[in-house]
mmCIF file of all heavy atoms, coordinates in Angstrom:
data_MODEL
# 
_entry.id   MODEL 
# 
loop_
_atom_site.group_PDB 
_atom_site.id 
_atom_site.type_symbol 
_atom_site.label_atom_id 
_atom_site.label_alt_id 
_atom_site.label_comp_id 
_atom_site.label_asym_id 
_atom_site.label_entity_id 
_atom_site.label_seq_id 
_atom_site.pdbx_PDB_ins_code 
_atom_site.Cartn_x 
_atom_site.Cartn_y 
_atom_site.Cartn_z 
_atom_site.occupancy 
_atom_site.B_iso_or_equiv 
_atom_site.pdbx_formal_charge 
_atom_site.auth_seq_id 
_atom_site.auth_comp_id 
_atom_site.auth_asym_id 
_atom_site.auth_atom_id 
_atom_site.pdbx_PDB_model_num 
ATOM 1   N N   . PHE A 1 1  ? 0.818  -1.207 0.000   1.00 0.00 ? 1  PHE A N   1 
ATOM 2   C CA  . PHE A 1 1  ? 0.000  0.000  0.000   1.00 0.00 ? 1  PHE A CA  1 
ATOM 3   C C   . PHE A 1 1  ? 0.855  1.262  0.000   1.00 0.00 ? 1  PHE A C   1 
ATOM 4   O O   . PHE A 1 1  ? 0.464  2.290  -0.552  1.00 0.00 ? 1  PHE A O   1 
ATOM 5   C CB  . PHE A 1 1  ? -0.932 0.010  1.214   1.00 0.00 ? 1  PHE A CB  1 
ATOM 6   C CG  . PHE A 1 1  ? -1.947 -1.093 1.169   1.00 0.00 ? 1  PHE A CG  1 
ATOM 7   C CD1 . PHE A 1 1  ? -1.784 -2.227 1.948   1.00 0.00 ? 1  PHE A CD1 1 
ATOM 8   C CD2 . PHE A 1 1  ? -3.047 -1.018 0.336   1.00 0.00 ? 1  PHE A CD2 1 
ATOM 9   C CE1 . PHE A 1 1  ? -2.701 -3.257 1.903   1.00 0.00 ? 1  PHE A CE1 1 
ATOM 10  C CE2 . PHE A 1 1  ? -3.974 -2.046 0.278   1.00 0.00 ? 1  PHE A CE2 1 
ATOM 11  C CZ  . PHE A 1 1  ? -3.800 -3.171 1.061   1.00 0.00 ? 1  PHE A CZ  1 
ATOM 12  N N   . VAL A 1 2  ? 2.014  1.185  0.613   1.00 0.00 ? 2  VAL A N   1 
ATOM 13  C CA  . VAL A 1 2  ? 2.881  2.358  0.694   1.00 0.00 ? 2  VAL A CA  1 
ATOM 14  C C   . VAL A 1 2  ? 3.568  2.646  -0.641  1.00 0.00 ? 2  VAL A C   1 
ATOM 15  O O   . VAL A 1 2  ? 3.785  3.806  -0.983  1.00 0.00 ? 2  VAL A O   1 
ATOM 16  C CB  . VAL A 1 2  ? 3.925  2.170  1.821   1.00 0.00 ? 2  VAL A CB  1 
ATOM 17  C CG1 . VAL A 1 2  ? 4.971  3.262  1.802   1.00 0.00 ? 2  VAL A CG1 1 
ATOM 18  C CG2 . VAL A 1 2  ? 3.236  2.144  3.173   1.00 0.00 ? 2  VAL A CG2 1 
ATOM 19  N N   . ALA A 1 3  ? 3.889  1.619  -1.394  1.00 0.00 ? 3  ALA A N   1 
ATOM 20  C CA  . ALA A 1 3  ? 4.606  1.804  -2.665  1.00 0.00 ? 3  ALA A CA  1 
ATOM 21  C C   . ALA A 1 3  ? 3.863  2.731  -3.629  1.00 0.00 ? 3  ALA A C   1 
ATOM 22  O O   . ALA A 1 3  ? 4.461  3.686  -4.140  1.00 0.00 ? 3  ALA A O   1 
ATOM 23  C CB  . ALA A 1 3  ? 4.900  0.454  -3.304  1.00 0.00 ? 3  ALA A CB  1 
ATOM 24  N N   . PRO A 1 4  ? 2.567  2.499  -3.901  1.00 0.00 ? 4  PRO A N   1 
ATOM 25  C CA  . PRO A 1 4  ? 1.876  3.424  -4.818  1.00 0.00 ? 4  PRO A CA  1 
ATOM 26  C C   . PRO A 1 4  ? 1.763  4.845  -4.242  1.00 0.00 ? 4  PRO A C   1 
ATOM 27  O O   . PRO A 1 4  ? 1.842  5.824  -4.985  1.00 0.00 ? 4  PRO A O   1 
ATOM 28  C CB  . PRO A 1 4  ? 0.486  2.829  -4.998  1.00 0.00 ? 4  PRO A CB  1 
ATOM 29  C CG  . PRO A 1 4  ? 0.516  1.481  -4.417  1.00 0.00 ? 4  PRO A CG  1 
ATOM 30  C CD  . PRO A 1 4  ? 1.717  1.382  -3.553  1.00 0.00 ? 4  PRO A CD  1 
ATOM 31  N N   . LEU A 1 5  ? 1.606  4.948  -2.934  1.00 0.00 ? 5  LEU A N   1 
ATOM 32  C CA  . LEU A 1 5  ? 1.537  6.279  -2.322  1.00 0.00 ? 5  LEU A CA  1 
ATOM 33  C C   . LEU A 1 5  ? 2.864  7.021  -2.455  1.00 0.00 ? 5  LEU A C   1 
ATOM 34  O O   . LEU A 1 5  ? 2.894  8.235  -2.658  1.00 0.00 ? 5  LEU A O   1 
ATOM 35  C CB  . LEU A 1 5  ? 1.144  6.161  -0.848  1.00 0.00 ? 5  LEU A CB  1 
ATOM 36  C CG  . LEU A 1 5  ? -0.272 5.661  -0.594  1.00 0.00 ? 5  LEU A CG  1 
ATOM 37  C CD1 . LEU A 1 5  ? -0.505 5.461  0.901   1.00 0.00 ? 5  LEU A CD1 1 
ATOM 38  C CD2 . LEU A 1 5  ? -1.291 6.616  -1.166  1.00 0.00 ? 5  LEU A CD2 1 
ATOM 39  N N   . THR A 1 6  ? 3.960  6.280  -2.366  1.00 0.00 ? 6  THR A N   1 
ATOM 40  C CA  . THR A 1 6  ? 5.273  6.887  -2.551  1.00 0.00 ? 6  THR A CA  1 
ATOM 41  C C   . THR A 1 6  ? 5.446  7.376  -3.977  1.00 0.00 ? 6  THR A C   1 
ATOM 42  O O   . THR A 1 6  ? 5.952  8.482  -4.203  1.00 0.00 ? 6  THR A O   1 
ATOM 43  C CB  . THR A 1 6  ? 6.376  5.866  -2.200  1.00 0.00 ? 6  THR A CB  1 
ATOM 44  O OG1 . THR A 1 6  ? 6.193  5.424  -0.854  1.00 0.00 ? 6  THR A OG1 1 
ATOM 45  C CG2 . THR A 1 6  ? 7.755  6.475  -2.355  1.00 0.00 ? 6  THR A CG2 1 
ATOM 46  N N   . VAL A 1 7  ? 5.025  6.588  -4.940  1.00 0.00 ? 7  VAL A N   1 
ATOM 47  C CA  . VAL A 1 7  ? 5.128  6.990  -6.344  1.00 0.00 ? 7  VAL A CA  1 
ATOM 48  C C   . VAL A 1 7  ? 4.269  8.225  -6.612  1.00 0.00 ? 7  VAL A C   1 
ATOM 49  O O   . VAL A 1 7  ? 4.717  9.169  -7.280  1.00 0.00 ? 7  VAL A O   1 
ATOM 50  C CB  . VAL A 1 7  ? 4.722  5.820  -7.277  1.00 0.00 ? 7  VAL A CB  1 
ATOM 51  C CG1 . VAL A 1 7  ? 4.597  6.285  -8.717  1.00 0.00 ? 7  VAL A CG1 1 
ATOM 52  C CG2 . VAL A 1 7  ? 5.720  4.686  -7.161  1.00 0.00 ? 7  VAL A CG2 1 
ATOM 53  N N   . ILE A 1 8  ? 3.070  8.247  -6.078  1.00 0.00 ? 8  ILE A N   1 
ATOM 54  C CA  . ILE A 1 8  ? 2.189  9.409  -6.247  1.00 0.00 ? 8  ILE A CA  1 
ATOM 55  C C   . ILE A 1 8  ? 2.821  10.657 -5.635  1.00 0.00 ? 8  ILE A C   1 
ATOM 56  O O   . ILE A 1 8  ? 2.797  11.737 -6.219  1.00 0.00 ? 8  ILE A O   1 
ATOM 57  C CB  . ILE A 1 8  ? 0.798  9.130  -5.638  1.00 0.00 ? 8  ILE A CB  1 
ATOM 58  C CG1 . ILE A 1 8  ? 0.063  8.100  -6.490  1.00 0.00 ? 8  ILE A CG1 1 
ATOM 59  C CG2 . ILE A 1 8  ? -0.026 10.405 -5.518  1.00 0.00 ? 8  ILE A CG2 1 
ATOM 60  C CD1 . ILE A 1 8  ? -1.197 7.554  -5.847  1.00 0.00 ? 8  ILE A CD1 1 
ATOM 61  N N   . THR A 1 9  ? 3.407  10.486 -4.456  1.00 0.00 ? 9  THR A N   1 
ATOM 62  C CA  . THR A 1 9  ? 4.073  11.612 -3.793  1.00 0.00 ? 9  THR A CA  1 
ATOM 63  C C   . THR A 1 9  ? 5.240  12.122 -4.635  1.00 0.00 ? 9  THR A C   1 
ATOM 64  O O   . THR A 1 9  ? 5.406  13.336 -4.805  1.00 0.00 ? 9  THR A O   1 
ATOM 65  C CB  . THR A 1 9  ? 4.569  11.200 -2.400  1.00 0.00 ? 9  THR A CB  1 
ATOM 66  O OG1 . THR A 1 9  ? 3.459  10.777 -1.615  1.00 0.00 ? 9  THR A OG1 1 
ATOM 67  C CG2 . THR A 1 9  ? 5.270  12.344 -1.695  1.00 0.00 ? 9  THR A CG2 1 
ATOM 68  N N   . LEU A 1 10 ? 6.043  11.208 -5.160  1.00 0.00 ? 10 LEU A N   1 
ATOM 69  C CA  . LEU A 1 10 ? 7.186  11.617 -5.985  1.00 0.00 ? 10 LEU A CA  1 
ATOM 70  C C   . LEU A 1 10 ? 6.752  12.311 -7.265  1.00 0.00 ? 10 LEU A C   1 
ATOM 71  O O   . LEU A 1 10 ? 7.389  13.273 -7.712  1.00 0.00 ? 10 LEU A O   1 
ATOM 72  C CB  . LEU A 1 10 ? 8.048  10.406 -6.316  1.00 0.00 ? 10 LEU A CB  1 
ATOM 73  C CG  . LEU A 1 10 ? 8.854  9.825  -5.160  1.00 0.00 ? 10 LEU A CG  1 
ATOM 74  C CD1 . LEU A 1 10 ? 9.539  8.535  -5.586  1.00 0.00 ? 10 LEU A CD1 1 
ATOM 75  C CD2 . LEU A 1 10 ? 9.869  10.829 -4.659  1.00 0.00 ? 10 LEU A CD2 1 
ATOM 76  N N   . LEU A 1 11 ? 5.660  11.849 -7.850  1.00 0.00 ? 11 LEU A N   1 
ATOM 77  C CA  . LEU A 1 11 ? 5.220  12.422 -9.122  1.00 0.00 ? 11 LEU A CA  1 
ATOM 78  C C   . LEU A 1 11 ? 4.496  13.760 -8.969  1.00 0.00 ? 11 LEU A C   1 
ATOM 79  O O   . LEU A 1 11 ? 4.676  14.668 -9.782  1.00 0.00 ? 11 LEU A O   1 
ATOM 80  C CB  . LEU A 1 11 ? 4.306  11.439 -9.854  1.00 0.00 ? 11 LEU A CB  1 
ATOM 81  C CG  . LEU A 1 11 ? 4.972  10.171 -10.386 1.00 0.00 ? 11 LEU A CG  1 
ATOM 82  C CD1 . LEU A 1 11 ? 3.917  9.235  -10.982 1.00 0.00 ? 11 LEU A CD1 1 
ATOM 83  C CD2 . LEU A 1 11 ? 6.031  10.503 -11.415 1.00 0.00 ? 11 LEU A CD2 1 
ATOM 84  N N   . PHE A 1 12 ? 3.671  13.879 -7.941  1.00 0.00 ? 12 PHE A N   1 
ATOM 85  C CA  . PHE A 1 12 ? 2.788  15.038 -7.868  1.00 0.00 ? 12 PHE A CA  1 
ATOM 86  C C   . PHE A 1 12 ? 3.016  15.978 -6.679  1.00 0.00 ? 12 PHE A C   1 
ATOM 87  O O   . PHE A 1 12 ? 2.610  17.131 -6.730  1.00 0.00 ? 12 PHE A O   1 
ATOM 88  C CB  . PHE A 1 12 ? 1.326  14.568 -7.836  1.00 0.00 ? 12 PHE A CB  1 
ATOM 89  C CG  . PHE A 1 12 ? 0.950  13.742 -9.028  1.00 0.00 ? 12 PHE A CG  1 
ATOM 90  C CD1 . PHE A 1 12 ? 0.724  12.388 -8.895  1.00 0.00 ? 12 PHE A CD1 1 
ATOM 91  C CD2 . PHE A 1 12 ? 0.841  14.314 -10.290 1.00 0.00 ? 12 PHE A CD2 1 
ATOM 92  C CE1 . PHE A 1 12 ? 0.376  11.612 -9.991  1.00 0.00 ? 12 PHE A CE1 1 
ATOM 93  C CE2 . PHE A 1 12 ? 0.502  13.551 -11.393 1.00 0.00 ? 12 PHE A CE2 1 
ATOM 94  C CZ  . PHE A 1 12 ? 0.268  12.195 -11.242 1.00 0.00 ? 12 PHE A CZ  1 
ATOM 95  N N   . LEU A 1 13 ? 3.624  15.510 -5.631  1.00 0.00 ? 13 LEU A N   1 
ATOM 96  C CA  . LEU A 1 13 ? 3.735  16.327 -4.422  1.00 0.00 ? 13 LEU A CA  1 
ATOM 97  C C   . LEU A 1 13 ? 5.158  16.755 -4.076  1.00 0.00 ? 13 LEU A C   1 
ATOM 98  O O   . LEU A 1 13 ? 5.384  17.347 -3.031  1.00 0.00 ? 13 LEU A O   1 
ATOM 99  C CB  . LEU A 1 13 ? 3.131  15.563 -3.231  1.00 0.00 ? 13 LEU A CB  1 
ATOM 100 C CG  . LEU A 1 13 ? 1.668  15.149 -3.394  1.00 0.00 ? 13 LEU A CG  1 
ATOM 101 C CD1 . LEU A 1 13 ? 1.216  14.322 -2.208  1.00 0.00 ? 13 LEU A CD1 1 
ATOM 102 C CD2 . LEU A 1 13 ? 0.783  16.372 -3.562  1.00 0.00 ? 13 LEU A CD2 1 
ATOM 103 N N   . THR A 1 14 ? 6.100  16.463 -4.946  1.00 0.00 ? 14 THR A N   1 
ATOM 104 C CA  . THR A 1 14 ? 7.495  16.811 -4.670  1.00 0.00 ? 14 THR A CA  1 
ATOM 105 C C   . THR A 1 14 ? 7.671  18.310 -4.481  1.00 0.00 ? 14 THR A C   1 
ATOM 106 O O   . THR A 1 14 ? 8.458  18.749 -3.656  1.00 0.00 ? 14 THR A O   1 
ATOM 107 C CB  . THR A 1 14 ? 8.405  16.310 -5.807  1.00 0.00 ? 14 THR A CB  1 
ATOM 108 O OG1 . THR A 1 14 ? 8.191  14.919 -5.974  1.00 0.00 ? 14 THR A OG1 1 
ATOM 109 C CG2 . THR A 1 14 ? 9.858  16.553 -5.495  1.00 0.00 ? 14 THR A CG2 1 
ATOM 110 N N   . GLY A 1 15 ? 6.925  19.089 -5.224  1.00 0.00 ? 15 GLY A N   1 
ATOM 111 C CA  . GLY A 1 15 ? 7.022  20.540 -5.114  1.00 0.00 ? 15 GLY A CA  1 
ATOM 112 C C   . GLY A 1 15 ? 6.718  21.066 -3.726  1.00 0.00 ? 15 GLY A C   1 
ATOM 113 O O   . GLY A 1 15 ? 7.259  22.088 -3.308  1.00 0.00 ? 15 GLY A O   1 
ATOM 114 N N   . LEU A 1 16 ? 5.857  20.367 -2.988  1.00 0.00 ? 16 LEU A N   1 
ATOM 115 C CA  . LEU A 1 16 ? 5.528  20.805 -1.634  1.00 0.00 ? 16 LEU A CA  1 
ATOM 116 C C   . LEU A 1 16 ? 6.711  20.642 -0.677  1.00 0.00 ? 16 LEU A C   1 
ATOM 117 O O   . LEU A 1 16 ? 6.845  21.387 0.287   1.00 0.00 ? 16 LEU A O   1 
ATOM 118 C CB  . LEU A 1 16 ? 4.334  20.002 -1.101  1.00 0.00 ? 16 LEU A CB  1 
ATOM 119 C CG  . LEU A 1 16 ? 3.021  20.182 -1.840  1.00 0.00 ? 16 LEU A CG  1 
ATOM 120 C CD1 . LEU A 1 16 ? 1.973  19.222 -1.285  1.00 0.00 ? 16 LEU A CD1 1 
ATOM 121 C CD2 . LEU A 1 16 ? 2.541  21.619 -1.716  1.00 0.00 ? 16 LEU A CD2 1 
ATOM 122 N N   . PHE A 1 17 ? 7.563  19.659 -0.948  1.00 0.00 ? 17 PHE A N   1 
ATOM 123 C CA  . PHE A 1 17 ? 8.696  19.390 -0.065  1.00 0.00 ? 17 PHE A CA  1 
ATOM 124 C C   . PHE A 1 17 ? 9.974  20.075 -0.523  1.00 0.00 ? 17 PHE A C   1 
ATOM 125 O O   . PHE A 1 17 ? 10.949 20.136 0.214   1.00 0.00 ? 17 PHE A O   1 
ATOM 126 C CB  . PHE A 1 17 ? 8.955  17.872 -0.001  1.00 0.00 ? 17 PHE A CB  1 
ATOM 127 C CG  . PHE A 1 17 ? 7.784  17.101 0.501   1.00 0.00 ? 17 PHE A CG  1 
ATOM 128 C CD1 . PHE A 1 17 ? 7.063  16.289 -0.353  1.00 0.00 ? 17 PHE A CD1 1 
ATOM 129 C CD2 . PHE A 1 17 ? 7.389  17.187 1.820   1.00 0.00 ? 17 PHE A CD2 1 
ATOM 130 C CE1 . PHE A 1 17 ? 5.968  15.570 0.103   1.00 0.00 ? 17 PHE A CE1 1 
ATOM 131 C CE2 . PHE A 1 17 ? 6.294  16.480 2.287   1.00 0.00 ? 17 PHE A CE2 1 
ATOM 132 C CZ  . PHE A 1 17 ? 5.589  15.670 1.423   1.00 0.00 ? 17 PHE A CZ  1 
ATOM 133 N N   . GLU A 1 18 ? 9.957  20.613 -1.704  1.00 0.00 ? 18 GLU A N   1 
ATOM 134 C CA  . GLU A 1 18 ? 11.141 21.170 -2.348  1.00 0.00 ? 18 GLU A CA  1 
ATOM 135 C C   . GLU A 1 18 ? 11.774 22.311 -1.554  1.00 0.00 ? 18 GLU A C   1 
ATOM 136 O O   . GLU A 1 18 ? 12.995 22.396 -1.429  1.00 0.00 ? 18 GLU A O   1 
ATOM 137 C CB  . GLU A 1 18 ? 10.715 21.665 -3.722  1.00 0.00 ? 18 GLU A CB  1 
ATOM 138 C CG  . GLU A 1 18 ? 11.788 21.880 -4.703  1.00 0.00 ? 18 GLU A CG  1 
ATOM 139 C CD  . GLU A 1 18 ? 11.162 22.107 -6.072  1.00 0.00 ? 18 GLU A CD  1 
ATOM 140 O OE1 . GLU A 1 18 ? 10.375 23.060 -6.232  1.00 0.00 ? 18 GLU A OE1 1 
ATOM 141 O OE2 . GLU A 1 18 ? 11.445 21.305 -6.952  1.00 0.00 ? 18 GLU A OE2 1 
ATOM 142 N N   . LYS A 1 19 ? 10.955 23.177 -1.016  1.00 0.00 ? 19 LYS A N   1 
ATOM 143 C CA  . LYS A 1 19 ? 11.482 24.375 -0.369  1.00 0.00 ? 19 LYS A CA  1 
ATOM 144 C C   . LYS A 1 19 ? 11.578 24.264 1.150   1.00 0.00 ? 19 LYS A C   1 
ATOM 145 O O   . LYS A 1 19 ? 11.941 25.218 1.815   1.00 0.00 ? 19 LYS A O   1 
ATOM 146 C CB  . LYS A 1 19 ? 10.628 25.575 -0.752  1.00 0.00 ? 19 LYS A CB  1 
ATOM 147 C CG  . LYS A 1 19 ? 10.699 25.859 -2.237  1.00 0.00 ? 19 LYS A CG  1 
ATOM 148 C CD  . LYS A 1 19 ? 9.899  27.054 -2.638  1.00 0.00 ? 19 LYS A CD  1 
ATOM 149 C CE  . LYS A 1 19 ? 10.011 27.228 -4.143  1.00 0.00 ? 19 LYS A CE  1 
ATOM 150 N NZ  . LYS A 1 19 ? 9.286  28.369 -4.632  1.00 0.00 ? 19 LYS A NZ  1 
ATOM 151 N N   . LEU A 1 20 ? 11.237 23.096 1.677   1.00 0.00 ? 20 LEU A N   1 
ATOM 152 C CA  . LEU A 1 20 ? 11.361 22.901 3.118   1.00 0.00 ? 20 LEU A CA  1 
ATOM 153 C C   . LEU A 1 20 ? 12.825 22.765 3.508   1.00 0.00 ? 20 LEU A C   1 
ATOM 154 O O   . LEU A 1 20 ? 13.590 22.089 2.826   1.00 0.00 ? 20 LEU A O   1 
ATOM 155 C CB  . LEU A 1 20 ? 10.615 21.639 3.560   1.00 0.00 ? 20 LEU A CB  1 
ATOM 156 C CG  . LEU A 1 20 ? 9.104  21.696 3.581   1.00 0.00 ? 20 LEU A CG  1 
ATOM 157 C CD1 . LEU A 1 20 ? 8.547  20.327 3.948   1.00 0.00 ? 20 LEU A CD1 1 
ATOM 158 C CD2 . LEU A 1 20 ? 8.610  22.725 4.569   1.00 0.00 ? 20 LEU A CD2 1 
ATOM 159 N N   . PRO A 1 21 ? 13.228 23.382 4.608   1.00 0.00 ? 21 PRO A N   1 
ATOM 160 C CA  . PRO A 1 21 ? 14.607 23.196 5.068   1.00 0.00 ? 21 PRO A CA  1 
ATOM 161 C C   . PRO A 1 21 ? 14.835 21.735 5.473   1.00 0.00 ? 21 PRO A C   1 
ATOM 162 O O   . PRO A 1 21 ? 13.906 21.041 5.893   1.00 0.00 ? 21 PRO A O   1 
ATOM 163 C CB  . PRO A 1 21 ? 14.704 24.106 6.296   1.00 0.00 ? 21 PRO A CB  1 
ATOM 164 C CG  . PRO A 1 21 ? 13.537 25.019 6.214   1.00 0.00 ? 21 PRO A CG  1 
ATOM 165 C CD  . PRO A 1 21 ? 12.484 24.330 5.422   1.00 0.00 ? 21 PRO A CD  1 
ATOM 166 N N   . GLU A 1 22 ? 16.073 21.282 5.352   1.00 0.00 ? 22 GLU A N   1 
ATOM 167 C CA  . GLU A 1 22 ? 16.393 19.898 5.707   1.00 0.00 ? 22 GLU A CA  1 
ATOM 168 C C   . GLU A 1 22 ? 16.103 19.621 7.180   1.00 0.00 ? 22 GLU A C   1 
ATOM 169 O O   . GLU A 1 22 ? 15.774 18.498 7.544   1.00 0.00 ? 22 GLU A O   1 
ATOM 170 C CB  . GLU A 1 22 ? 17.845 19.587 5.393   1.00 0.00 ? 22 GLU A CB  1 
ATOM 171 C CG  . GLU A 1 22 ? 18.108 19.466 3.905   1.00 0.00 ? 22 GLU A CG  1 
ATOM 172 C CD  . GLU A 1 22 ? 19.529 19.069 3.597   1.00 0.00 ? 22 GLU A CD  1 
ATOM 173 O OE1 . GLU A 1 22 ? 20.233 18.568 4.497   1.00 0.00 ? 22 GLU A OE1 1 
ATOM 174 O OE2 . GLU A 1 22 ? 19.937 19.256 2.445   1.00 0.00 ? 22 GLU A OE2 1 
ATOM 175 N N   . ALA A 1 23 ? 16.211 20.639 8.022   1.00 0.00 ? 23 ALA A N   1 
ATOM 176 C CA  . ALA A 1 23 ? 15.937 20.455 9.451   1.00 0.00 ? 23 ALA A CA  1 
ATOM 177 C C   . ALA A 1 23 ? 14.483 20.065 9.689   1.00 0.00 ? 23 ALA A C   1 
ATOM 178 O O   . ALA A 1 23 ? 14.176 19.279 10.585  1.00 0.00 ? 23 ALA A O   1 
ATOM 179 C CB  . ALA A 1 23 ? 16.273 21.725 10.220  1.00 0.00 ? 23 ALA A CB  1 
ATOM 180 N N   . VAL A 1 24 ? 13.574 20.586 8.893   1.00 0.00 ? 24 VAL A N   1 
ATOM 181 C CA  . VAL A 1 24 ? 12.159 20.238 9.026   1.00 0.00 ? 24 VAL A CA  1 
ATOM 182 C C   . VAL A 1 24 ? 11.948 18.774 8.646   1.00 0.00 ? 24 VAL A C   1 
ATOM 183 O O   . VAL A 1 24 ? 11.243 18.029 9.340   1.00 0.00 ? 24 VAL A O   1 
ATOM 184 C CB  . VAL A 1 24 ? 11.280 21.157 8.147   1.00 0.00 ? 24 VAL A CB  1 
ATOM 185 C CG1 . VAL A 1 24 ? 9.844  20.676 8.123   1.00 0.00 ? 24 VAL A CG1 1 
ATOM 186 C CG2 . VAL A 1 24 ? 11.357 22.587 8.629   1.00 0.00 ? 24 VAL A CG2 1 
ATOM 187 N N   . LEU A 1 25 ? 12.557 18.361 7.550   1.00 0.00 ? 25 LEU A N   1 
ATOM 188 C CA  . LEU A 1 25 ? 12.429 16.966 7.126   1.00 0.00 ? 25 LEU A CA  1 
ATOM 189 C C   . LEU A 1 25 ? 13.071 16.022 8.141   1.00 0.00 ? 25 LEU A C   1 
ATOM 190 O O   . LEU A 1 25 ? 12.543 14.947 8.420   1.00 0.00 ? 25 LEU A O   1 
ATOM 191 C CB  . LEU A 1 25 ? 13.049 16.783 5.740   1.00 0.00 ? 25 LEU A CB  1 
ATOM 192 C CG  . LEU A 1 25 ? 12.403 17.621 4.633   1.00 0.00 ? 25 LEU A CG  1 
ATOM 193 C CD1 . LEU A 1 25 ? 13.174 17.472 3.335   1.00 0.00 ? 25 LEU A CD1 1 
ATOM 194 C CD2 . LEU A 1 25 ? 10.959 17.253 4.447   1.00 0.00 ? 25 LEU A CD2 1 
ATOM 195 N N   . ALA A 1 26 ? 14.199 16.436 8.711   1.00 0.00 ? 26 ALA A N   1 
ATOM 196 C CA  . ALA A 1 26 ? 14.842 15.625 9.747   1.00 0.00 ? 26 ALA A CA  1 
ATOM 197 C C   . ALA A 1 26 ? 13.958 15.544 10.984  1.00 0.00 ? 26 ALA A C   1 
ATOM 198 O O   . ALA A 1 26 ? 13.888 14.497 11.643  1.00 0.00 ? 26 ALA A O   1 
ATOM 199 C CB  . ALA A 1 26 ? 16.198 16.221 10.113  1.00 0.00 ? 26 ALA A CB  1 
ATOM 200 N N   . GLY A 1 27 ? 13.268 16.616 11.303  1.00 0.00 ? 27 GLY A N   1 
ATOM 201 C CA  . GLY A 1 27 ? 12.351 16.619 12.444  1.00 0.00 ? 27 GLY A CA  1 
ATOM 202 C C   . GLY A 1 27 ? 11.217 15.632 12.272  1.00 0.00 ? 27 GLY A C   1 
ATOM 203 O O   . GLY A 1 27 ? 10.779 14.998 13.230  1.00 0.00 ? 27 GLY A O   1 
ATOM 204 N N   . VAL A 1 28 ? 10.747 15.476 11.043  1.00 0.00 ? 28 VAL A N   1 
ATOM 205 C CA  . VAL A 1 28 ? 9.682  14.508 10.765  1.00 0.00 ? 28 VAL A CA  1 
ATOM 206 C C   . VAL A 1 28 ? 10.190 13.092 11.048  1.00 0.00 ? 28 VAL A C   1 
ATOM 207 O O   . VAL A 1 28 ? 9.500  12.282 11.667  1.00 0.00 ? 28 VAL A O   1 
ATOM 208 C CB  . VAL A 1 28 ? 9.190  14.637 9.309   1.00 0.00 ? 28 VAL A CB  1 
ATOM 209 C CG1 . VAL A 1 28 ? 8.271  13.505 8.935   1.00 0.00 ? 28 VAL A CG1 1 
ATOM 210 C CG2 . VAL A 1 28 ? 8.512  15.981 9.100   1.00 0.00 ? 28 VAL A CG2 1 
# 
């Protein structure tokens, strides 16, 4: 179930994560 969600995220939602600082992603 996670695999298709990961592909969807990579294809369509990458822009949302693009400008986040690495510290925010590390915090997650």
